Amino acid sequence: MTGLCLTNLAWAGVVVTGTRVIYPEGDREVTIKLDNNGDMPALVQTWVDTGDPNVSPDAVEAPFVLTPPVFRIEPAKGQTLRLAYTRDPLPEDKETVFWLNVLDIPPKASGTDGENVLQMAIRTRIKIFFRPAVLDAEGASEAVRGMPWKLVPAPQGDGYAVLASNPSPYYVNVATIRIKQGQQEFDVKDGAMIAPGASQLFAFDRPLPAIPPRTEFDYTAINDLGALVPLKAVLNSAP
């Protein structure tokens, strides 16, 4: 019996190099490196989806060709995936996000014929950001610094939350937010990806009090390389 575990963790035998893929529209293809860090051969299936992890690979209609779709990686060996854009129409004025899936299917455990053995197939999903030709990497870096932040009442009526707006054509990935008030520190519960032209409400690990106007705070964003970038911003308005 084989189970499925959906994860981004590196304890899977087959590991994807990097935590995201940037696909510039002008590139003929981009490559993605996989490595088998396990001590057994791995059978791997790969595909691209449009955001729903529950859709079967056969039913997904993403504008990419990913090769090879199924292959075997020996222990301590690697495999390069080739991702090519099919030129199907996509928005030309903002990024579009897709997801790369890598399913690591374990070999049958030896000496278990006739036994009911649970084996876990490890599935890793990472984001693919399709970047139109009019956009560049410098603009992506500017986008994470150009968001207005606003203090707003928390939805549940307990203290306040922070609303971040993304006016840029890029996806912005916020990992952490920390606000200091006196001797206290308040951290967001979860990071989030903010779509182009969208806003995101961030709740904190405990009730956030009213913060004076123009209070500076720290946050981290994830850049094109998957690295955490420490940044500072100010709350543009008070309640």
Protein backbone atom coordinates (compact mmCIF):
# COMPACT_ATOMS: atom_id res chain seq x y z
CA MET A 1 0.00 0.00 0.00
CA THR A 2 1.37 3.41 -0.97
CA GLY A 3 0.41 6.70 0.69
CA LEU A 4 0.94 10.25 -0.52
CA CYS A 5 2.60 12.99 1.50
CA LEU A 6 2.48 16.56 0.15
CA THR A 7 5.47 18.55 1.33
CA ASN A 8 8.13 21.14 0.56
CA LEU A 9 10.57 19.67 3.07
CA ALA A 10 14.05 18.52 2.15
CA TRP A 11 13.76 15.12 3.89
CA ALA A 12 12.31 13.63 0.73
CA GLY A 13 14.83 11.46 -1.12
CA VAL A 14 14.43 13.54 -4.28
CA VAL A 15 15.09 17.23 -3.65
CA VAL A 16 14.44 20.19 -5.94
CA THR A 17 17.22 22.76 -6.17
CA GLY A 18 15.67 26.10 -5.22
CA THR A 19 12.31 27.00 -3.75
CA ARG A 20 10.79 28.74 -6.79
CA VAL A 21 11.16 29.00 -10.56
CA ILE A 22 11.18 32.31 -12.43
CA TYR A 23 10.22 31.94 -16.09
CA PRO A 24 11.04 35.06 -18.17
CA GLU A 25 8.75 35.16 -21.20
CA GLY A 26 11.64 35.65 -23.61
CA ASP A 27 13.43 32.43 -22.58
CA ARG A 28 13.06 29.37 -24.81
CA GLU A 29 13.15 27.17 -21.72
CA VAL A 30 14.33 27.09 -18.11
CA THR A 31 15.95 24.15 -16.35
CA ILE A 32 15.29 22.77 -12.88
CA LYS A 33 17.76 20.49 -11.12
CA LEU A 34 16.69 17.50 -9.02
CA ASP A 35 18.95 15.36 -6.83
CA ASN A 36 18.35 11.98 -5.25
CA ASN A 37 19.84 12.29 -1.77
CA GLY A 38 18.40 8.95 -0.69
CA ASP A 39 20.10 5.57 -0.64
CA MET A 40 17.64 3.90 -3.05
CA PRO A 41 16.64 4.51 -6.67
CA ALA A 42 13.61 6.76 -7.08
CA LEU A 43 10.85 6.77 -9.67
CA VAL A 44 9.79 10.38 -10.25
CA GLN A 45 6.74 11.90 -11.92
CA THR A 46 6.62 15.63 -12.69
CA TRP A 47 3.91 18.00 -13.91
CA VAL A 48 2.73 21.62 -13.71
CA ASP A 49 -0.63 22.69 -12.27
CA THR A 50 -2.50 25.97 -12.14
CA GLY A 51 -3.02 26.09 -8.37
CA ASP A 52 -5.30 23.19 -7.44
CA PRO A 53 -3.15 20.42 -5.90
CA ASN A 54 -6.00 17.92 -6.14
CA VAL A 55 -6.32 17.96 -9.95
CA SER A 56 -4.93 14.87 -11.68
CA PRO A 57 -1.82 15.47 -13.83
CA ASP A 58 -3.79 14.18 -16.83
CA ALA A 59 -6.48 16.83 -16.31
CA VAL A 60 -4.24 19.88 -15.86
CA GLU A 61 -4.12 22.40 -18.70
CA ALA A 62 -1.04 24.54 -18.04
CA PRO A 63 0.76 26.37 -20.89
CA PHE A 64 4.05 24.52 -20.36
CA VAL A 65 5.79 21.40 -21.58
CA LEU A 66 7.81 19.73 -18.82
CA THR A 67 10.27 16.99 -19.75
CA PRO A 68 10.90 14.29 -18.82
CA PRO A 69 7.50 13.59 -17.21
CA VAL A 70 8.52 10.23 -15.68
CA PHE A 71 12.04 8.98 -14.98
CA ARG A 72 14.27 7.11 -12.56
CA ILE A 73 17.08 8.67 -10.53
CA GLU A 74 19.77 6.48 -9.03
CA PRO A 75 21.07 7.22 -5.50
CA ALA A 76 23.43 10.22 -5.34
CA LYS A 77 22.56 11.12 -8.94
CA GLY A 78 20.64 14.02 -10.46
CA GLN A 79 18.21 14.85 -13.23
CA THR A 80 17.56 18.11 -15.09
CA LEU A 81 13.99 19.07 -15.95
CA ARG A 82 13.31 21.27 -18.96
CA LEU A 83 10.36 23.63 -18.74
CA ALA A 84 9.20 25.28 -21.98
CA TYR A 85 6.39 27.83 -22.44
CA THR A 86 3.93 26.82 -25.16
CA ARG A 87 3.16 30.46 -26.08
CA ASP A 88 -0.48 30.10 -25.13
CA PRO A 89 -1.78 33.58 -24.23
CA LEU A 90 -1.05 34.80 -20.70
CA PRO A 91 -1.41 38.29 -19.20
CA GLU A 92 1.27 40.59 -20.63
CA ASP A 93 1.12 43.23 -17.89
CA LYS A 94 1.51 41.13 -14.74
CA GLU A 95 2.98 37.87 -13.48
CA THR A 96 1.06 34.59 -13.49
CA VAL A 97 1.79 31.85 -10.98
CA PHE A 98 1.81 28.09 -11.60
CA TRP A 99 3.06 25.15 -9.55
CA LEU A 100 5.73 22.55 -10.27
CA ASN A 101 4.95 19.09 -8.84
CA VAL A 102 7.63 16.48 -8.18
CA LEU A 103 6.32 13.10 -6.99
CA ASP A 104 8.95 10.78 -5.49
CA ILE A 105 7.60 7.22 -5.66
CA PRO A 106 9.55 4.77 -3.46
CA PRO A 107 10.55 1.32 -4.74
CA LYS A 108 8.77 -1.69 -3.32
CA ALA A 109 10.31 -2.67 0.01
CA SER A 110 12.28 -5.90 -0.33
CA GLY A 111 11.16 -9.00 1.56
CA THR A 112 7.60 -7.74 2.05
CA ASP A 113 5.71 -9.96 -0.41
CA GLY A 114 2.27 -10.69 0.99
CA GLU A 115 2.65 -8.12 3.76
CA ASN A 116 0.63 -4.93 4.11
CA VAL A 117 3.39 -2.29 4.16
CA LEU A 118 2.74 1.47 4.09
CA GLN A 119 5.09 3.30 1.73
CA MET A 120 4.99 7.07 1.39
CA ALA A 121 5.18 8.80 -1.99
CA ILE A 122 6.57 12.27 -1.31
CA ARG A 123 5.17 15.10 -3.42
CA THR A 124 6.91 18.48 -3.51
CA ARG A 125 5.26 21.59 -4.95
CA ILE A 126 7.09 24.84 -5.69
CA LYS A 127 5.88 28.01 -7.39
CA ILE A 128 6.58 28.92 -11.01
CA PHE A 129 6.34 32.66 -11.69
CA PHE A 130 5.77 33.46 -15.36
CA ARG A 131 7.23 36.93 -15.92
CA PRO A 132 6.12 38.84 -19.06
CA ALA A 133 8.78 40.46 -21.21
CA VAL A 134 7.86 43.98 -20.01
CA LEU A 135 8.81 43.05 -16.44
CA ASP A 136 12.31 42.48 -15.07
CA ALA A 137 14.07 41.27 -11.93
CA GLU A 138 14.81 44.81 -10.75
CA GLY A 139 11.10 45.58 -10.75
CA ALA A 140 10.44 42.51 -8.62
CA SER A 141 12.93 43.79 -6.05
CA GLU A 142 11.25 47.20 -6.04
CA ALA A 143 7.80 45.63 -5.61
CA VAL A 144 8.58 44.17 -2.20
CA ARG A 145 9.67 47.63 -1.00
CA GLY A 146 6.84 49.63 -2.52
CA MET A 147 3.81 48.28 -0.66
CA PRO A 148 1.70 50.58 1.54
CA TRP A 149 0.88 49.14 4.97
CA LYS A 150 -2.14 50.06 7.05
CA LEU A 151 -3.22 49.30 10.60
CA VAL A 152 -6.86 48.10 10.63
CA PRO A 153 -9.19 46.55 13.22
CA ALA A 154 -8.76 42.78 13.45
CA PRO A 155 -11.66 40.86 11.82
CA GLN A 156 -12.58 39.18 15.09
CA GLY A 157 -12.63 42.48 16.95
CA ASP A 158 -9.62 41.63 19.11
CA GLY A 159 -6.97 44.31 18.66
CA TYR A 160 -5.61 45.23 15.24
CA ALA A 161 -4.19 43.64 12.11
CA VAL A 162 -1.99 44.94 9.30
CA LEU A 163 -3.22 45.29 5.72
CA ALA A 164 -0.58 45.19 2.97
CA SER A 165 -1.48 46.27 -0.56
CA ASN A 166 0.48 45.24 -3.62
CA PRO A 167 0.04 47.82 -6.42
CA SER A 168 2.76 46.19 -8.54
CA PRO A 169 2.46 43.67 -11.42
CA TYR A 170 4.62 41.20 -9.45
CA TYR A 171 3.75 38.59 -6.86
CA VAL A 172 5.13 39.60 -3.46
CA ASN A 173 5.96 36.91 -0.90
CA VAL A 174 6.01 38.14 2.71
CA ALA A 175 7.50 35.65 5.14
CA THR A 176 7.54 37.46 8.50
CA ILE A 177 6.40 40.71 10.10
CA ARG A 178 7.48 41.96 13.52
CA ILE A 179 6.19 45.09 15.24
CA LYS A 180 7.75 46.40 18.44
CA GLN A 181 5.66 48.42 20.83
CA GLY A 182 7.48 49.42 23.99
CA GLN A 183 9.02 46.26 25.43
CA GLN A 184 6.67 43.99 23.51
CA GLU A 185 7.12 42.30 20.16
CA PHE A 186 4.29 41.09 17.93
CA ASP A 187 4.80 38.59 15.10
CA VAL A 188 2.44 37.57 12.32
CA LYS A 189 1.02 34.06 12.53
CA ASP A 190 1.70 33.18 8.90
CA GLY A 191 3.37 34.67 5.87
CA ALA A 192 1.51 35.06 2.59
CA MET A 193 1.87 35.54 -1.16
CA ILE A 194 0.18 38.73 -2.38
CA ALA A 195 -1.00 38.70 -5.99
CA PRO A 196 -0.54 41.70 -8.30
CA GLY A 197 -3.09 44.39 -7.46
CA ALA A 198 -4.31 42.50 -4.39
CA SER A 199 -4.22 43.10 -0.64
CA GLN A 200 -3.50 40.77 2.26
CA LEU A 201 -4.57 41.01 5.88
CA PHE A 202 -1.98 39.78 8.38
CA ALA A 203 -3.08 38.61 11.83
CA PHE A 204 -0.65 38.50 14.75
CA ASP A 205 0.22 35.83 17.31
CA ARG A 206 -1.57 37.87 19.99
CA PRO A 207 -3.80 40.97 20.02
CA LEU A 208 -1.97 43.90 18.48
CA PRO A 209 -2.64 47.23 20.25
CA ALA A 210 -3.17 50.58 18.54
CA ILE A 211 0.13 51.69 16.99
CA PRO A 212 1.15 55.36 16.61
CA PRO A 213 1.17 56.76 13.05
CA ARG A 214 4.36 56.27 11.03
CA THR A 215 5.61 53.49 13.31
CA GLU A 216 8.49 51.66 11.65
CA PHE A 217 8.49 47.86 11.70
CA ASP A 218 10.49 44.94 10.31
CA TYR A 219 9.43 42.38 7.75
CA THR A 220 11.09 39.86 5.46
CA ALA A 221 10.25 39.12 1.84
CA ILE A 222 11.34 36.22 -0.35
CA ASN A 223 13.27 37.22 -3.47
CA ASP A 224 13.68 35.52 -6.85
CA LEU A 225 16.41 33.27 -5.46
CA GLY A 226 14.26 32.12 -2.55
CA ALA A 227 16.34 34.07 -0.02
CA LEU A 228 14.85 36.05 2.86
CA VAL A 229 15.38 39.79 2.45
CA PRO A 230 15.12 41.87 5.68
CA LEU A 231 13.21 45.10 5.10
CA LYS A 232 11.62 47.97 7.00
CA ALA A 233 8.37 49.83 6.39
CA VAL A 234 6.03 52.21 8.20
CA LEU A 235 2.34 52.03 8.98
CA ASN A 236 0.90 54.69 6.70
CA SER A 237 -2.21 55.34 8.75
CA ALA A 238 -3.56 54.81 12.23
CA PRO A 239 -7.07 53.71 13.22
